């Protein structure tokens, strides 16, 4: 009897936890690779540090400020993908059509002319970190890509379409990784 109850308890627990992650897609592949030659930093947190509550589901859930450097001169546009590799690559933010001369994304904003595609919550725009309570802190990877050509995607692009297009056009990448736990 106890052996049959364990799978049921696991299934019930999964049913409670999984829907809270959102209704959008999670990607089938890892972030595209490219030479690691760009810098991504944030004035709000350092590499490997905790993302302040303000930028999470426990705070105001505003997107954090980000700074970029060492963008290759031949880049035609930039793309940013933020994912949680500890939750099946759950996508928290995708920003495309970022002008290549962009050095800073302001808190709560996106550069003029950029577009935000759907995240794994099923929304467009920033979806702040919101790991299950009592989980170990999750990692959040802010991956910036320099692209050899415009991607040609619109706001309705899927998370996999974004990854595929970036993989086909990426000439450089920079990453910032931070964490958050509840």
Protein backbone atom coordinates (compact mmCIF):
# COMPACT_ATOMS: atom_id res chain seq x y z
CA UNK A 1 0.00 0.00 0.00
CA UNK A 2 2.76 2.45 0.93
CA UNK A 3 4.62 1.75 -2.34
CA UNK A 4 1.55 2.74 -4.37
CA UNK A 5 1.04 5.92 -2.32
CA UNK A 6 4.55 7.22 -3.04
CA UNK A 7 4.06 7.69 -6.82
CA UNK A 8 0.68 9.31 -6.18
CA UNK A 9 2.22 11.71 -3.66
CA UNK A 10 4.98 12.56 -6.12
CA UNK A 11 2.46 13.16 -8.90
CA UNK A 12 0.33 15.38 -6.67
CA UNK A 13 3.38 17.35 -5.59
CA UNK A 14 4.43 17.80 -9.23
CA UNK A 15 0.94 18.95 -10.12
CA UNK A 16 1.11 21.63 -7.46
CA UNK A 17 4.61 22.87 -8.32
CA UNK A 18 4.67 22.70 -12.11
CA UNK A 19 1.69 24.92 -12.97
CA UNK A 20 3.15 27.76 -10.91
CA UNK A 21 5.99 27.98 -13.43
CA UNK A 22 3.71 29.41 -16.10
CA UNK A 23 1.92 28.56 -19.29
CA UNK A 24 4.52 29.31 -21.94
CA UNK A 25 7.14 27.16 -23.60
CA UNK A 26 10.45 26.02 -22.26
CA UNK A 27 13.14 25.51 -24.88
CA UNK A 28 14.16 22.11 -26.12
CA UNK A 29 17.82 23.09 -26.49
CA UNK A 30 20.51 24.82 -24.46
CA UNK A 31 21.52 28.42 -25.03
CA UNK A 32 23.40 28.81 -28.32
CA UNK A 33 27.17 28.83 -28.07
CA UNK A 34 29.41 31.56 -29.44
CA UNK A 35 32.86 32.89 -28.54
CA UNK A 36 32.76 34.39 -25.02
CA UNK A 37 34.19 37.80 -25.85
CA UNK A 38 31.60 40.33 -24.61
CA UNK A 39 30.97 41.63 -21.11
CA UNK A 40 27.58 41.66 -19.37
CA UNK A 41 27.34 43.27 -15.94
CA UNK A 42 24.68 44.80 -13.74
CA UNK A 43 24.96 47.74 -11.36
CA UNK A 44 22.37 45.90 -9.20
CA UNK A 45 24.31 42.65 -8.59
CA UNK A 46 27.64 41.02 -9.36
CA UNK A 47 28.53 37.74 -11.05
CA UNK A 48 27.50 34.83 -8.83
CA UNK A 49 25.66 37.05 -6.37
CA UNK A 50 21.99 37.12 -5.35
CA UNK A 51 19.52 39.02 -7.51
CA UNK A 52 17.87 41.66 -5.29
CA UNK A 53 14.26 40.94 -4.34
CA UNK A 54 13.10 44.07 -6.22
CA UNK A 55 13.65 42.25 -9.54
CA UNK A 56 11.80 39.05 -8.51
CA UNK A 57 8.24 37.83 -8.01
CA UNK A 58 8.70 38.61 -4.31
CA UNK A 59 9.34 42.28 -5.08
CA UNK A 60 8.32 44.71 -7.78
CA UNK A 61 9.32 42.31 -10.58
CA UNK A 62 10.98 45.05 -12.59
CA UNK A 63 13.74 44.05 -15.01
CA UNK A 64 17.26 44.72 -13.73
CA UNK A 65 19.65 47.20 -15.31
CA UNK A 66 22.34 45.63 -17.49
CA UNK A 67 25.53 47.00 -19.01
CA UNK A 68 27.30 45.64 -22.10
CA UNK A 69 30.86 45.94 -23.35
CA UNK A 70 33.24 44.64 -26.00
CA UNK A 71 30.55 44.26 -28.67
CA UNK A 72 32.26 43.29 -31.95
CA UNK A 73 32.24 46.09 -34.56
CA UNK A 74 30.64 43.80 -37.16
CA UNK A 75 27.57 43.11 -34.96
CA UNK A 76 24.35 44.17 -36.72
CA UNK A 77 22.12 43.70 -33.68
CA UNK A 78 22.14 42.20 -30.19
CA UNK A 79 19.83 39.70 -28.54
CA UNK A 80 19.39 38.96 -24.84
CA UNK A 81 18.00 35.75 -23.36
CA UNK A 82 17.62 35.20 -19.61
CA UNK A 83 17.01 31.65 -18.46
CA UNK A 84 16.95 29.46 -15.37
CA UNK A 85 18.99 26.34 -16.17
CA UNK A 86 17.85 24.81 -12.86
CA UNK A 87 14.23 24.79 -14.09
CA UNK A 88 14.58 23.10 -17.50
CA UNK A 89 15.98 26.28 -19.12
CA UNK A 90 12.87 28.28 -18.16
CA UNK A 91 13.05 31.56 -20.13
CA UNK A 92 12.49 34.71 -18.08
CA UNK A 93 13.17 37.28 -20.80
CA UNK A 94 14.02 37.54 -24.49
CA UNK A 95 14.85 40.90 -26.01
CA UNK A 96 15.62 41.08 -29.74
CA UNK A 97 16.58 43.85 -32.16
CA UNK A 98 18.79 45.57 -29.59
CA UNK A 99 20.90 48.17 -31.44
CA UNK A 100 24.56 47.08 -31.44
CA UNK A 101 25.73 50.38 -29.95
CA UNK A 102 23.63 49.79 -26.81
CA UNK A 103 25.79 49.98 -23.69
CA UNK A 104 23.04 49.90 -21.05
CA UNK A 105 19.52 48.59 -20.59
CA UNK A 106 17.85 50.68 -17.91
CA UNK A 107 15.98 49.15 -15.01
CA UNK A 108 12.46 48.33 -16.14
CA UNK A 109 13.13 49.18 -19.77
CA UNK A 110 14.30 48.00 -23.15
CA UNK A 111 16.24 49.94 -25.78
CA UNK A 112 14.25 51.86 -28.37
CA UNK A 113 13.44 49.69 -31.37
CA UNK A 114 13.84 46.42 -29.43
CA UNK A 115 11.12 43.80 -29.12
CA UNK A 116 10.34 41.37 -26.32
CA UNK A 117 9.22 37.87 -27.26
CA UNK A 118 7.24 35.43 -25.16
CA UNK A 119 8.87 34.06 -22.04
CA UNK A 120 8.11 30.71 -20.40
CA UNK A 121 5.43 32.33 -18.23
CA UNK A 122 3.48 32.87 -21.47
CA UNK A 123 3.95 36.66 -21.33
CA UNK A 124 6.09 39.15 -23.23
CA UNK A 125 8.66 41.01 -21.21
CA UNK A 126 10.52 40.33 -17.98
CA UNK A 127 9.27 37.55 -15.75
CA UNK A 128 11.20 37.81 -12.51
CA UNK A 129 12.84 34.89 -10.76
CA UNK A 130 10.31 32.91 -8.74
CA UNK A 131 11.74 29.50 -7.83
CA UNK A 132 9.72 27.16 -5.62
CA UNK A 133 9.97 28.03 -1.95
CA UNK A 134 12.51 25.95 -0.05
CA UNK A 135 14.34 24.90 -3.25
CA UNK A 136 18.05 25.54 -3.35
CA UNK A 137 18.69 28.94 -4.98
CA UNK A 138 18.29 28.79 -8.76
CA UNK A 139 20.81 30.23 -11.20
CA UNK A 140 19.78 32.87 -13.74
CA UNK A 141 21.90 33.28 -16.87
CA UNK A 142 21.76 36.63 -18.68
CA UNK A 143 23.15 35.74 -22.13
CA UNK A 144 23.86 38.56 -24.57
CA UNK A 145 24.56 37.73 -28.21
CA UNK A 146 26.16 39.80 -30.97
CA UNK A 147 24.56 38.87 -34.27
CA UNK A 148 26.05 39.01 -37.77
CA UNK A 149 22.64 39.86 -39.20
CA UNK A 150 19.14 40.79 -38.02
CA UNK A 151 17.12 37.77 -36.92
CA UNK A 152 13.93 38.80 -38.73
CA UNK A 153 11.71 37.53 -35.88
CA UNK A 154 8.70 39.31 -34.45
CA UNK A 155 7.06 39.38 -31.00
CA UNK A 156 5.29 36.06 -31.66
CA UNK A 157 8.51 34.04 -32.06
CA UNK A 158 8.65 30.94 -29.87
CA UNK A 159 11.47 30.34 -27.41
CA UNK A 160 12.86 27.66 -29.76
CA UNK A 161 12.60 29.96 -32.81
CA UNK A 162 14.59 32.58 -30.90
CA UNK A 163 17.29 30.06 -29.93
CA UNK A 164 17.58 28.65 -33.45
CA UNK A 165 17.84 32.10 -35.06
CA UNK A 166 20.43 33.27 -32.52
CA UNK A 167 22.44 30.08 -33.04
CA UNK A 168 22.51 30.71 -36.79
CA UNK A 169 23.65 34.34 -36.49
CA UNK A 170 25.72 34.60 -33.27
CA UNK A 171 29.29 35.84 -33.59
CA UNK A 172 29.97 36.56 -29.90
CA UNK A 173 28.40 36.07 -26.49
CA UNK A 174 28.67 37.46 -23.00
CA UNK A 175 27.10 36.06 -19.84
CA UNK A 176 26.24 37.16 -16.35
CA UNK A 177 25.02 34.53 -13.89
CA UNK A 178 23.31 35.32 -10.60
CA UNK A 179 21.04 33.41 -8.25
CA UNK A 180 17.85 33.70 -6.30
CA UNK A 181 16.15 31.51 -3.71
CA UNK A 182 13.00 31.83 -1.64
